[in-house]
Amino acid sequence: MLINEASRLTNLTKKAIEYYIEQKLVFPNILDNGYRDFRENDVECLKKIYVFRKLGLSTEKSRQCLPIRQTTYCKRYRYKGN
């Protein structure tokens, strides 16, 4: 799904989602046309980040609360070449 739908499903702005991508909290696939393709686990991760931020956690503390498996999966399998 594209960022508009991810934004709608997570109650986050597109700008917030882009920030979380920059902070390496979420790793959507990049399509040939440059669009970001969010998978279901990306949306679930964004929902968790939304809750963490509402609870007052910093971005770094939010990262620590995310499952290690998820961030390892993203780095290893989605961005093999990077």
N, C-alpha and C. Protein backbone atom coordinates (compact mmCIF):
# COMPACT_ATOMS: atom_id res chain seq x y z
N MET A 1 0.84 -1.17 0.00
CA MET A 1 0.00 0.00 0.00
C MET A 1 0.89 1.24 0.00
N LEU A 2 0.36 2.31 -0.48
CA LEU A 2 1.12 3.55 -0.56
C LEU A 2 0.98 4.35 0.73
N ILE A 3 1.76 5.41 0.85
CA ILE A 3 1.84 6.19 2.09
C ILE A 3 0.49 6.79 2.48
N ASN A 4 -0.34 7.17 1.50
CA ASN A 4 -1.65 7.74 1.83
C ASN A 4 -2.51 6.75 2.62
N GLU A 5 -2.52 5.51 2.18
CA GLU A 5 -3.32 4.50 2.88
C GLU A 5 -2.69 4.17 4.22
N ALA A 6 -1.37 4.07 4.28
CA ALA A 6 -0.69 3.81 5.55
C ALA A 6 -1.00 4.94 6.54
N SER A 7 -1.01 6.16 6.06
CA SER A 7 -1.34 7.31 6.89
C SER A 7 -2.76 7.20 7.44
N ARG A 8 -3.67 6.84 6.59
CA ARG A 8 -5.07 6.71 6.99
C ARG A 8 -5.25 5.61 8.03
N LEU A 9 -4.57 4.48 7.84
CA LEU A 9 -4.72 3.33 8.74
C LEU A 9 -4.06 3.54 10.10
N THR A 10 -3.06 4.40 10.15
CA THR A 10 -2.29 4.58 11.39
C THR A 10 -2.58 5.88 12.12
N ASN A 11 -3.37 6.75 11.53
CA ASN A 11 -3.64 8.08 12.10
C ASN A 11 -2.38 8.92 12.23
N LEU A 12 -1.40 8.66 11.40
CA LEU A 12 -0.17 9.46 11.36
C LEU A 12 -0.17 10.30 10.08
N THR A 13 0.45 11.44 10.15
CA THR A 13 0.58 12.24 8.93
C THR A 13 1.64 11.63 8.02
N LYS A 14 1.58 12.00 6.76
CA LYS A 14 2.62 11.53 5.83
C LYS A 14 3.98 12.02 6.27
N LYS A 15 4.04 13.23 6.77
CA LYS A 15 5.30 13.79 7.23
C LYS A 15 5.86 12.99 8.41
N ALA A 16 5.01 12.57 9.32
CA ALA A 16 5.45 11.76 10.46
C ALA A 16 5.99 10.41 9.98
N ILE A 17 5.29 9.80 9.04
CA ILE A 17 5.74 8.51 8.50
C ILE A 17 7.08 8.67 7.81
N GLU A 18 7.25 9.73 7.04
CA GLU A 18 8.53 9.99 6.38
C GLU A 18 9.64 10.18 7.41
N TYR A 19 9.32 10.85 8.51
CA TYR A 19 10.31 11.02 9.58
C TYR A 19 10.72 9.67 10.17
N TYR A 20 9.75 8.79 10.40
CA TYR A 20 10.07 7.47 10.97
C TYR A 20 10.88 6.63 10.00
N ILE A 21 10.68 6.84 8.71
CA ILE A 21 11.51 6.17 7.71
C ILE A 21 12.94 6.70 7.81
N GLU A 22 13.08 8.02 7.88
CA GLU A 22 14.41 8.63 8.00
C GLU A 22 15.14 8.17 9.26
N GLN A 23 14.38 7.96 10.33
CA GLN A 23 14.96 7.52 11.61
C GLN A 23 15.20 6.00 11.64
N LYS A 24 14.90 5.35 10.54
CA LYS A 24 15.09 3.91 10.38
C LYS A 24 14.28 3.09 11.40
N LEU A 25 13.04 3.53 11.59
CA LEU A 25 12.10 2.77 12.40
C LEU A 25 11.21 1.90 11.54
N VAL A 26 11.04 2.29 10.30
CA VAL A 26 10.19 1.57 9.34
C VAL A 26 10.94 1.50 8.02
N PHE A 27 10.83 0.37 7.34
CA PHE A 27 11.57 0.15 6.11
C PHE A 27 10.63 -0.33 4.99
N PRO A 28 9.85 0.57 4.40
CA PRO A 28 8.97 0.14 3.30
C PRO A 28 9.80 -0.20 2.06
N ASN A 29 9.24 -1.04 1.23
CA ASN A 29 9.89 -1.33 -0.05
C ASN A 29 9.82 -0.10 -0.93
N ILE A 30 10.83 0.10 -1.75
CA ILE A 30 10.82 1.19 -2.71
C ILE A 30 10.54 0.60 -4.08
N LEU A 31 9.47 1.04 -4.71
CA LEU A 31 9.09 0.53 -6.02
C LEU A 31 9.94 1.19 -7.11
N ASP A 32 9.88 0.64 -8.31
CA ASP A 32 10.65 1.17 -9.43
C ASP A 32 10.36 2.65 -9.70
N ASN A 33 9.13 3.06 -9.45
CA ASN A 33 8.75 4.45 -9.70
C ASN A 33 9.10 5.37 -8.52
N GLY A 34 9.77 4.83 -7.48
CA GLY A 34 10.18 5.62 -6.33
C GLY A 34 9.15 5.67 -5.21
N TYR A 35 7.96 5.14 -5.44
CA TYR A 35 6.94 5.14 -4.40
C TYR A 35 7.32 4.13 -3.33
N ARG A 36 6.91 4.42 -2.10
CA ARG A 36 7.15 3.49 -1.00
C ARG A 36 5.95 2.56 -0.87
N ASP A 37 6.24 1.28 -0.74
CA ASP A 37 5.21 0.25 -0.62
C ASP A 37 5.24 -0.29 0.80
N PHE A 38 4.21 0.03 1.58
CA PHE A 38 4.14 -0.39 2.97
C PHE A 38 3.42 -1.73 3.06
N ARG A 39 4.04 -2.64 3.75
CA ARG A 39 3.44 -3.96 4.00
C ARG A 39 2.66 -3.90 5.31
N GLU A 40 1.94 -4.98 5.56
CA GLU A 40 1.12 -5.05 6.77
C GLU A 40 1.97 -4.90 8.03
N ASN A 41 3.16 -5.52 8.06
CA ASN A 41 3.98 -5.37 9.27
C ASN A 41 4.52 -3.94 9.41
N ASP A 42 4.69 -3.21 8.31
CA ASP A 42 5.08 -1.81 8.40
C ASP A 42 3.97 -1.00 9.08
N VAL A 43 2.74 -1.27 8.70
CA VAL A 43 1.60 -0.57 9.28
C VAL A 43 1.48 -0.90 10.76
N GLU A 44 1.67 -2.17 11.12
CA GLU A 44 1.61 -2.56 12.53
C GLU A 44 2.71 -1.86 13.32
N CYS A 45 3.89 -1.76 12.74
CA CYS A 45 5.00 -1.06 13.38
C CYS A 45 4.66 0.42 13.58
N LEU A 46 4.08 1.04 12.58
CA LEU A 46 3.69 2.45 12.68
C LEU A 46 2.62 2.65 13.75
N LYS A 47 1.70 1.72 13.87
CA LYS A 47 0.67 1.80 14.91
C LYS A 47 1.31 1.74 16.29
N LYS A 48 2.31 0.88 16.45
CA LYS A 48 3.01 0.78 17.74
C LYS A 48 3.75 2.09 18.03
N ILE A 49 4.42 2.62 17.03
CA ILE A 49 5.14 3.88 17.21
C ILE A 49 4.17 4.98 17.62
N TYR A 50 2.99 5.01 16.99
CA TYR A 50 1.97 5.99 17.33
C TYR A 50 1.62 5.92 18.82
N VAL A 51 1.42 4.71 19.32
CA VAL A 51 1.09 4.52 20.74
C VAL A 51 2.26 4.94 21.62
N PHE A 52 3.46 4.52 21.26
CA PHE A 52 4.64 4.89 22.05
C PHE A 52 4.79 6.41 22.15
N ARG A 53 4.59 7.08 21.03
CA ARG A 53 4.75 8.54 21.02
C ARG A 53 3.64 9.21 21.85
N LYS A 54 2.42 8.67 21.79
CA LYS A 54 1.32 9.21 22.59
C LYS A 54 1.60 9.03 24.08
N LEU A 55 2.36 7.98 24.42
CA LEU A 55 2.74 7.74 25.81
C LEU A 55 3.93 8.61 26.24
N GLY A 56 4.48 9.36 25.30
CA GLY A 56 5.56 10.27 25.62
C GLY A 56 6.96 9.72 25.41
N LEU A 57 7.08 8.56 24.79
CA LEU A 57 8.39 8.00 24.54
C LEU A 57 9.07 8.73 23.39
N SER A 58 10.37 8.89 23.50
CA SER A 58 11.15 9.50 22.42
C SER A 58 11.24 8.53 21.25
N THR A 59 11.76 9.02 20.15
CA THR A 59 11.96 8.16 18.98
C THR A 59 12.92 7.02 19.33
N GLU A 60 13.98 7.33 20.05
CA GLU A 60 14.96 6.31 20.42
C GLU A 60 14.35 5.28 21.36
N LYS A 61 13.58 5.72 22.33
CA LYS A 61 12.92 4.77 23.24
C LYS A 61 11.90 3.93 22.48
N SER A 62 11.23 4.54 21.50
CA SER A 62 10.28 3.79 20.68
C SER A 62 11.01 2.69 19.92
N ARG A 63 12.20 3.01 19.40
CA ARG A 63 13.00 2.02 18.67
C ARG A 63 13.31 0.83 19.58
N GLN A 64 13.64 1.12 20.84
CA GLN A 64 13.98 0.07 21.79
C GLN A 64 12.79 -0.81 22.12
N CYS A 65 11.59 -0.28 21.99
CA CYS A 65 10.38 -1.04 22.29
C CYS A 65 9.91 -1.91 21.13
N LEU A 66 10.44 -1.64 19.95
CA LEU A 66 10.03 -2.43 18.79
C LEU A 66 10.72 -3.79 18.83
N PRO A 67 10.05 -4.83 18.36
CA PRO A 67 10.67 -6.16 18.36
C PRO A 67 11.96 -6.18 17.55
N ILE A 68 13.00 -6.74 18.11
CA ILE A 68 14.29 -6.81 17.42
C ILE A 68 14.16 -7.59 16.12
N ARG A 69 13.33 -8.60 16.12
CA ARG A 69 13.14 -9.41 14.92
C ARG A 69 12.65 -8.56 13.76
N GLN A 70 11.79 -7.62 14.04
CA GLN A 70 11.23 -6.79 12.98
C GLN A 70 12.29 -5.89 12.35
N THR A 71 13.10 -5.26 13.16
CA THR A 71 14.11 -4.38 12.60
C THR A 71 15.21 -5.19 11.92
N THR A 72 15.54 -6.36 12.46
CA THR A 72 16.52 -7.23 11.81
C THR A 72 15.98 -7.72 10.48
N TYR A 73 14.71 -8.11 10.44
CA TYR A 73 14.10 -8.57 9.19
C TYR A 73 14.18 -7.47 8.14
N CYS A 74 13.81 -6.28 8.53
CA CYS A 74 13.79 -5.17 7.58
C CYS A 74 15.18 -4.91 7.02
N LYS A 75 16.15 -4.82 7.88
CA LYS A 75 17.50 -4.50 7.43
C LYS A 75 18.09 -5.62 6.58
N ARG A 76 17.88 -6.85 6.98
CA ARG A 76 18.52 -7.96 6.31
C ARG A 76 17.87 -8.29 4.97
N TYR A 77 16.55 -8.34 4.93
CA TYR A 77 15.87 -8.85 3.75
C TYR A 77 15.37 -7.79 2.78
N ARG A 78 15.05 -6.63 3.26
CA ARG A 78 14.53 -5.61 2.36
C ARG A 78 15.62 -4.76 1.75
N TYR A 79 16.73 -4.65 2.43
CA TYR A 79 17.80 -3.79 1.95
C TYR A 79 19.11 -4.53 1.88
N LYS A 80 19.09 -5.69 1.25
CA LYS A 80 20.31 -6.51 1.13
C LYS A 80 21.45 -5.73 0.50
N GLY A 81 21.15 -4.97 -0.53
CA GLY A 81 22.20 -4.27 -1.27
C GLY A 81 22.72 -3.02 -0.61
N ASN A 82 22.04 -2.53 0.42
CA ASN A 82 22.44 -1.26 1.03
C ASN A 82 23.23 -1.46 2.29
